[in-house]
C-alpha cells in the first residue's frame, strides 16, 4: 500500500493536472463547442445554432481561445459572402473521449434525478 505522503503527492499532481485542464476548458461553452466539432466541421452560423444559448460575441471569444490553444482550426471559405468553418485539430481530438464521458455521466445523472422525481410523486 502506498504511504500517506505518496498519496498526498498523487492527489496534488491530480489536482494540478485538473486545474490546468480547467484553465483551458473552463466555462460553460468550450466543452460543448469541442463536442460539436468532434463530430464534424461546422460553420460559425451552424455552431451558433447548435450550441444553444450562446451569444455570437461569446462564441467568437471561445473559438479564438480554443484556436490559440491548438484545439480547433479556423478556415476561411472561398464563398460569397465569405464564411468561416471550424474543425477540431488532431490535438483537439484527444478530448473526444472526455466529452463522451461527460455526456454519459450527464445522461445517467438526468435519469437518476428523473427517477427520484417520479418516486417523490408516488
N, C-alpha and C. Protein backbone atom coordinates (compact mmCIF):
# COMPACT_ATOMS: atom_id res chain seq x y z
N UNK A 1 0.84 -1.19 0.00
CA UNK A 1 0.00 0.00 0.00
C UNK A 1 0.88 1.24 0.00
N UNK A 2 0.46 2.25 -0.71
CA UNK A 2 1.23 3.49 -0.79
C UNK A 2 1.22 4.21 0.55
N UNK A 3 2.34 4.86 0.82
CA UNK A 3 2.41 5.64 2.05
C UNK A 3 1.55 6.89 1.91
N UNK A 4 1.25 7.48 3.06
CA UNK A 4 0.38 8.66 3.07
C UNK A 4 1.01 9.82 2.30
N UNK A 5 2.32 10.01 2.40
CA UNK A 5 2.97 11.12 1.70
C UNK A 5 2.90 10.93 0.18
N UNK A 6 3.00 9.68 -0.29
CA UNK A 6 2.89 9.42 -1.72
C UNK A 6 1.45 9.66 -2.19
N UNK A 7 0.47 9.27 -1.39
CA UNK A 7 -0.93 9.52 -1.73
C UNK A 7 -1.22 11.02 -1.81
N UNK A 8 -0.66 11.78 -0.87
CA UNK A 8 -0.85 13.23 -0.88
C UNK A 8 -0.21 13.83 -2.13
N UNK A 9 0.98 13.37 -2.49
CA UNK A 9 1.66 13.86 -3.70
C UNK A 9 0.86 13.50 -4.95
N UNK A 10 0.34 12.26 -5.00
CA UNK A 10 -0.50 11.85 -6.13
C UNK A 10 -1.73 12.76 -6.25
N UNK A 11 -2.35 13.05 -5.12
CA UNK A 11 -3.52 13.93 -5.11
C UNK A 11 -3.14 15.32 -5.60
N UNK A 12 -2.02 15.84 -5.13
CA UNK A 12 -1.56 17.16 -5.55
C UNK A 12 -1.33 17.22 -7.05
N UNK A 13 -0.71 16.18 -7.60
CA UNK A 13 -0.46 16.13 -9.04
C UNK A 13 -1.77 16.06 -9.81
N UNK A 14 -2.71 15.28 -9.30
CA UNK A 14 -4.01 15.16 -9.94
C UNK A 14 -4.74 16.49 -9.94
N UNK A 15 -4.74 17.16 -8.80
CA UNK A 15 -5.41 18.46 -8.69
C UNK A 15 -4.75 19.47 -9.62
N UNK A 16 -3.44 19.47 -9.71
CA UNK A 16 -2.73 20.38 -10.60
C UNK A 16 -3.09 20.12 -12.06
N UNK A 17 -3.14 18.85 -12.44
CA UNK A 17 -3.48 18.49 -13.82
C UNK A 17 -4.92 18.90 -14.15
N UNK A 18 -5.83 18.68 -13.21
CA UNK A 18 -7.23 19.08 -13.43
C UNK A 18 -7.33 20.60 -13.53
N UNK A 19 -6.60 21.30 -12.70
CA UNK A 19 -6.59 22.76 -12.75
C UNK A 19 -6.10 23.26 -14.12
N UNK A 20 -5.02 22.65 -14.62
CA UNK A 20 -4.51 23.02 -15.95
C UNK A 20 -5.57 22.80 -17.02
N UNK A 21 -6.25 21.66 -16.94
CA UNK A 21 -7.29 21.33 -17.91
C UNK A 21 -8.45 22.33 -17.83
N UNK A 22 -8.86 22.65 -16.62
CA UNK A 22 -9.99 23.56 -16.44
C UNK A 22 -9.64 24.98 -16.88
N UNK A 23 -8.36 25.35 -16.81
CA UNK A 23 -7.94 26.66 -17.32
C UNK A 23 -8.23 26.76 -18.82
N UNK A 24 -8.05 25.66 -19.53
CA UNK A 24 -8.26 25.65 -20.98
C UNK A 24 -9.72 25.41 -21.34
N UNK A 25 -10.38 24.51 -20.61
CA UNK A 25 -11.74 24.10 -20.97
C UNK A 25 -12.82 24.73 -20.10
N UNK A 26 -12.42 25.54 -19.12
CA UNK A 26 -13.37 26.09 -18.17
C UNK A 26 -14.44 26.93 -18.82
N UNK A 27 -15.50 27.13 -18.09
CA UNK A 27 -16.62 27.91 -18.59
C UNK A 27 -17.72 26.99 -19.10
N UNK A 28 -18.77 27.61 -19.49
CA UNK A 28 -19.97 26.88 -19.89
C UNK A 28 -19.93 26.34 -21.31
N UNK A 29 -19.14 26.94 -22.19
CA UNK A 29 -19.30 26.71 -23.61
C UNK A 29 -18.23 25.87 -24.30
N UNK A 30 -17.01 25.91 -23.85
CA UNK A 30 -15.90 25.31 -24.61
C UNK A 30 -16.07 23.82 -24.83
N UNK A 31 -16.46 23.09 -23.80
CA UNK A 31 -16.62 21.64 -23.96
C UNK A 31 -17.75 21.35 -24.95
N UNK A 32 -18.80 22.15 -24.92
CA UNK A 32 -19.91 21.97 -25.88
C UNK A 32 -19.44 22.21 -27.31
N UNK A 33 -18.64 23.25 -27.52
CA UNK A 33 -18.12 23.55 -28.85
C UNK A 33 -17.23 22.41 -29.32
N UNK A 34 -16.33 21.96 -28.45
CA UNK A 34 -15.44 20.85 -28.81
C UNK A 34 -16.24 19.60 -29.14
N UNK A 35 -17.26 19.31 -28.33
CA UNK A 35 -18.08 18.12 -28.58
C UNK A 35 -18.72 18.20 -29.97
N UNK A 36 -19.24 19.35 -30.34
CA UNK A 36 -19.85 19.51 -31.67
C UNK A 36 -18.82 19.28 -32.77
N UNK A 37 -17.65 19.88 -32.61
CA UNK A 37 -16.63 19.79 -33.66
C UNK A 37 -15.97 18.42 -33.72
N UNK A 38 -16.11 17.61 -32.69
CA UNK A 38 -15.58 16.24 -32.74
C UNK A 38 -16.35 15.40 -33.75
N UNK A 39 -17.59 15.78 -34.04
CA UNK A 39 -18.41 15.02 -34.98
C UNK A 39 -18.26 15.50 -36.41
N UNK A 40 -18.11 16.81 -36.59
CA UNK A 40 -17.97 17.34 -37.95
C UNK A 40 -17.50 18.79 -37.89
N UNK A 41 -16.90 19.23 -38.98
CA UNK A 41 -16.55 20.64 -39.12
C UNK A 41 -17.86 21.42 -39.23
N UNK A 42 -17.84 22.64 -38.73
CA UNK A 42 -19.06 23.45 -38.76
C UNK A 42 -18.71 24.89 -39.07
N UNK A 43 -19.63 25.54 -39.77
CA UNK A 43 -19.51 26.97 -39.97
C UNK A 43 -19.92 27.68 -38.68
N UNK A 44 -19.49 28.92 -38.59
CA UNK A 44 -19.80 29.74 -37.42
C UNK A 44 -21.31 29.74 -37.14
N UNK A 45 -22.09 29.97 -38.18
CA UNK A 45 -23.55 30.06 -38.01
C UNK A 45 -24.14 28.73 -37.53
N UNK A 46 -23.57 27.61 -37.97
CA UNK A 46 -24.05 26.30 -37.52
C UNK A 46 -23.75 26.09 -36.04
N UNK A 47 -22.55 26.50 -35.63
CA UNK A 47 -22.21 26.39 -34.21
C UNK A 47 -23.12 27.27 -33.36
N UNK A 48 -23.43 28.45 -33.85
CA UNK A 48 -24.29 29.36 -33.12
C UNK A 48 -25.68 28.74 -32.88
N UNK A 49 -26.17 27.98 -33.86
CA UNK A 49 -27.46 27.30 -33.71
C UNK A 49 -27.35 26.07 -32.81
N UNK A 50 -26.27 25.30 -32.98
CA UNK A 50 -26.12 24.03 -32.27
C UNK A 50 -25.84 24.22 -30.78
N UNK A 51 -25.04 25.21 -30.44
CA UNK A 51 -24.70 25.47 -29.04
C UNK A 51 -25.75 26.43 -28.50
N UNK A 52 -26.83 25.87 -28.04
CA UNK A 52 -28.00 26.65 -27.64
C UNK A 52 -27.70 27.56 -26.46
N UNK A 53 -28.09 28.83 -26.63
CA UNK A 53 -27.95 29.79 -25.56
C UNK A 53 -26.71 30.67 -25.63
N UNK A 54 -25.75 30.32 -26.46
CA UNK A 54 -24.53 31.12 -26.57
C UNK A 54 -24.78 32.33 -27.46
N UNK A 55 -24.21 33.46 -27.07
CA UNK A 55 -24.33 34.66 -27.91
C UNK A 55 -23.24 34.64 -28.97
N UNK A 56 -23.42 35.42 -30.01
CA UNK A 56 -22.42 35.50 -31.06
C UNK A 56 -21.08 36.01 -30.54
N UNK A 57 -21.13 37.00 -29.67
CA UNK A 57 -19.91 37.57 -29.10
C UNK A 57 -19.16 36.52 -28.27
N UNK A 58 -19.89 35.77 -27.46
CA UNK A 58 -19.26 34.74 -26.63
C UNK A 58 -18.71 33.61 -27.48
N UNK A 59 -19.45 33.21 -28.52
CA UNK A 59 -18.96 32.15 -29.41
C UNK A 59 -17.65 32.58 -30.06
N UNK A 60 -17.58 33.80 -30.54
CA UNK A 60 -16.35 34.30 -31.15
C UNK A 60 -15.19 34.25 -30.17
N UNK A 61 -15.42 34.68 -28.95
CA UNK A 61 -14.37 34.68 -27.93
C UNK A 61 -13.90 33.27 -27.62
N UNK A 62 -14.85 32.35 -27.45
CA UNK A 62 -14.49 30.98 -27.11
C UNK A 62 -13.74 30.30 -28.26
N UNK A 63 -14.17 30.54 -29.49
CA UNK A 63 -13.50 29.97 -30.65
C UNK A 63 -12.06 30.46 -30.75
N UNK A 64 -11.84 31.75 -30.49
CA UNK A 64 -10.49 32.29 -30.52
C UNK A 64 -9.60 31.63 -29.48
N UNK A 65 -10.12 31.45 -28.27
CA UNK A 65 -9.34 30.82 -27.20
C UNK A 65 -9.02 29.36 -27.54
N UNK A 66 -9.99 28.65 -28.09
CA UNK A 66 -9.75 27.25 -28.48
C UNK A 66 -8.72 27.17 -29.59
N UNK A 67 -8.76 28.14 -30.51
CA UNK A 67 -7.79 28.16 -31.61
C UNK A 67 -6.39 28.47 -31.08
N UNK A 68 -6.27 29.42 -30.17
CA UNK A 68 -4.97 29.77 -29.57
C UNK A 68 -4.36 28.56 -28.86
N UNK A 69 -5.20 27.74 -28.24
CA UNK A 69 -4.72 26.56 -27.52
C UNK A 69 -4.52 25.35 -28.43
N UNK A 70 -4.71 25.52 -29.73
CA UNK A 70 -4.43 24.45 -30.69
C UNK A 70 -5.46 23.34 -30.73
N UNK A 71 -6.66 23.62 -30.23
CA UNK A 71 -7.70 22.59 -30.18
C UNK A 71 -8.60 22.59 -31.41
N UNK A 72 -8.71 23.74 -32.06
CA UNK A 72 -9.52 23.85 -33.28
C UNK A 72 -8.75 24.66 -34.32
N UNK A 73 -9.19 24.51 -35.57
CA UNK A 73 -8.64 25.29 -36.68
C UNK A 73 -9.75 26.13 -37.30
N UNK A 74 -9.39 27.32 -37.71
CA UNK A 74 -10.32 28.23 -38.37
C UNK A 74 -9.96 28.27 -39.85
N UNK A 75 -10.94 28.02 -40.71
CA UNK A 75 -10.72 28.04 -42.15
C UNK A 75 -11.69 29.01 -42.81
N UNK A 76 -11.13 30.00 -43.51
CA UNK A 76 -11.96 30.95 -44.25
C UNK A 76 -12.30 30.30 -45.59
N UNK A 77 -13.58 30.18 -45.87
CA UNK A 77 -14.04 29.52 -47.09
C UNK A 77 -14.17 30.54 -48.22
N UNK A 78 -13.83 30.11 -49.42
CA UNK A 78 -13.90 30.97 -50.60
C UNK A 78 -15.33 30.99 -51.13
N UNK A 79 -16.20 31.59 -50.36
CA UNK A 79 -17.61 31.70 -50.75
C UNK A 79 -17.98 33.17 -50.80
N UNK A 80 -19.12 33.43 -51.37
CA UNK A 80 -19.63 34.79 -51.39
C UNK A 80 -21.01 34.78 -50.78
N UNK A 81 -21.26 35.41 -49.67
CA UNK A 81 -20.28 36.11 -48.85
C UNK A 81 -19.32 35.12 -48.17
N UNK A 82 -18.23 35.66 -47.69
CA UNK A 82 -17.20 34.85 -47.05
C UNK A 82 -17.79 34.18 -45.80
N UNK A 83 -17.50 32.91 -45.63
CA UNK A 83 -17.90 32.23 -44.40
C UNK A 83 -16.69 31.53 -43.81
N UNK A 84 -16.81 31.21 -42.54
CA UNK A 84 -15.70 30.60 -41.81
C UNK A 84 -16.17 29.27 -41.26
N UNK A 85 -15.32 28.26 -41.41
CA UNK A 85 -15.61 26.93 -40.86
C UNK A 85 -14.56 26.60 -39.81
N UNK A 86 -14.98 25.85 -38.82
CA UNK A 86 -14.08 25.43 -37.76
C UNK A 86 -14.04 23.91 -37.73
N UNK A 87 -12.85 23.38 -37.45
CA UNK A 87 -12.73 21.94 -37.31
C UNK A 87 -11.80 21.63 -36.16
N UNK A 88 -11.98 20.45 -35.62
CA UNK A 88 -11.15 20.00 -34.50
C UNK A 88 -9.77 19.62 -35.04
N UNK A 89 -8.73 19.92 -34.29
CA UNK A 89 -7.38 19.51 -34.68
C UNK A 89 -7.11 18.10 -34.16
N UNK A 90 -6.02 17.52 -34.60
CA UNK A 90 -5.64 16.21 -34.06
C UNK A 90 -5.48 16.28 -32.55
N UNK A 91 -4.87 17.36 -32.07
CA UNK A 91 -4.70 17.56 -30.63
C UNK A 91 -6.07 17.67 -29.95
N UNK A 92 -6.98 18.41 -30.56
CA UNK A 92 -8.32 18.57 -30.02
C UNK A 92 -9.09 17.26 -29.96
N UNK A 93 -8.80 16.36 -30.92
CA UNK A 93 -9.47 15.05 -30.92
C UNK A 93 -9.16 14.24 -29.67
N UNK A 94 -8.06 14.58 -29.00
CA UNK A 94 -7.73 13.86 -27.77
C UNK A 94 -8.76 14.12 -26.67
N UNK A 95 -9.63 15.09 -26.86
CA UNK A 95 -10.68 15.41 -25.88
C UNK A 95 -12.00 14.71 -26.17
N UNK A 96 -12.08 13.99 -27.28
CA UNK A 96 -13.35 13.35 -27.65
C UNK A 96 -13.82 12.38 -26.57
N UNK A 97 -12.93 11.55 -26.06
CA UNK A 97 -13.31 10.60 -25.00
C UNK A 97 -13.82 11.33 -23.77
N UNK A 98 -13.19 12.46 -23.44
CA UNK A 98 -13.63 13.25 -22.30
C UNK A 98 -15.05 13.76 -22.51
N UNK A 99 -15.34 14.27 -23.71
CA UNK A 99 -16.70 14.78 -23.97
C UNK A 99 -17.72 13.64 -23.92
N UNK A 100 -17.33 12.46 -24.39
CA UNK A 100 -18.25 11.31 -24.34
C UNK A 100 -18.49 10.88 -22.90
N UNK A 101 -17.45 10.88 -22.09
CA UNK A 101 -17.58 10.52 -20.68
C UNK A 101 -18.48 11.51 -19.95
N UNK A 102 -18.30 12.80 -20.22
CA UNK A 102 -19.16 13.82 -19.60
C UNK A 102 -20.61 13.62 -20.04
N UNK A 103 -20.83 13.34 -21.33
CA UNK A 103 -22.19 13.13 -21.83
C UNK A 103 -22.84 11.90 -21.19
N UNK A 104 -22.08 10.82 -21.07
CA UNK A 104 -22.61 9.60 -20.44
C UNK A 104 -22.98 9.87 -18.98
N UNK A 105 -22.11 10.57 -18.27
CA UNK A 105 -22.41 10.90 -16.88
C UNK A 105 -23.66 11.76 -16.80
N UNK A 106 -23.77 12.74 -17.71
CA UNK A 106 -24.94 13.62 -17.72
C UNK A 106 -26.24 12.86 -17.96
N UNK A 107 -26.20 11.88 -18.86
CA UNK A 107 -27.39 11.06 -19.11
C UNK A 107 -27.77 10.24 -17.89
N UNK A 108 -26.78 9.66 -17.24
CA UNK A 108 -27.02 8.87 -16.03
C UNK A 108 -27.56 9.76 -14.91
N UNK A 109 -26.99 10.94 -14.77
CA UNK A 109 -27.43 11.86 -13.73
C UNK A 109 -28.87 12.31 -13.97
N UNK A 110 -29.17 12.63 -15.22
CA UNK A 110 -30.54 13.05 -15.55
C UNK A 110 -31.53 11.94 -15.23
N UNK A 111 -31.19 10.70 -15.60
CA UNK A 111 -32.07 9.56 -15.32
C UNK A 111 -32.26 9.38 -13.81
N UNK A 112 -31.20 9.56 -13.06
CA UNK A 112 -31.26 9.43 -11.60
C UNK A 112 -32.18 10.49 -11.00
N UNK A 113 -32.03 11.72 -11.46
CA UNK A 113 -32.87 12.82 -10.96
C UNK A 113 -34.34 12.58 -11.32
N UNK A 114 -34.58 12.20 -12.57
CA UNK A 114 -35.97 11.95 -13.00
C UNK A 114 -36.58 10.79 -12.23
N UNK A 115 -35.80 9.75 -11.97
CA UNK A 115 -36.27 8.62 -11.19
C UNK A 115 -36.67 9.08 -9.78
N UNK A 116 -35.84 9.93 -9.19
CA UNK A 116 -36.13 10.46 -7.85
C UNK A 116 -37.38 11.31 -7.85
N UNK A 117 -37.60 12.08 -8.91
CA UNK A 117 -38.80 12.91 -9.00
C UNK A 117 -40.04 12.05 -9.13
N UNK A 118 -39.95 10.97 -9.89
CA UNK A 118 -41.11 10.07 -10.05
C UNK A 118 -41.43 9.38 -8.73
N UNK A 119 -40.41 9.01 -7.98
CA UNK A 119 -40.62 8.35 -6.70
C UNK A 119 -41.25 9.30 -5.67
N UNK A 120 -40.90 10.57 -5.74
CA UNK A 120 -41.48 11.56 -4.83
C UNK A 120 -42.96 11.76 -5.08
N UNK A 121 -43.39 11.63 -6.34
CA UNK A 121 -44.79 11.83 -6.70
C UNK A 121 -45.67 10.67 -6.26
N UNK A 122 -45.06 9.52 -6.04
CA UNK A 122 -45.84 8.34 -5.70
C UNK A 122 -46.28 8.35 -4.28
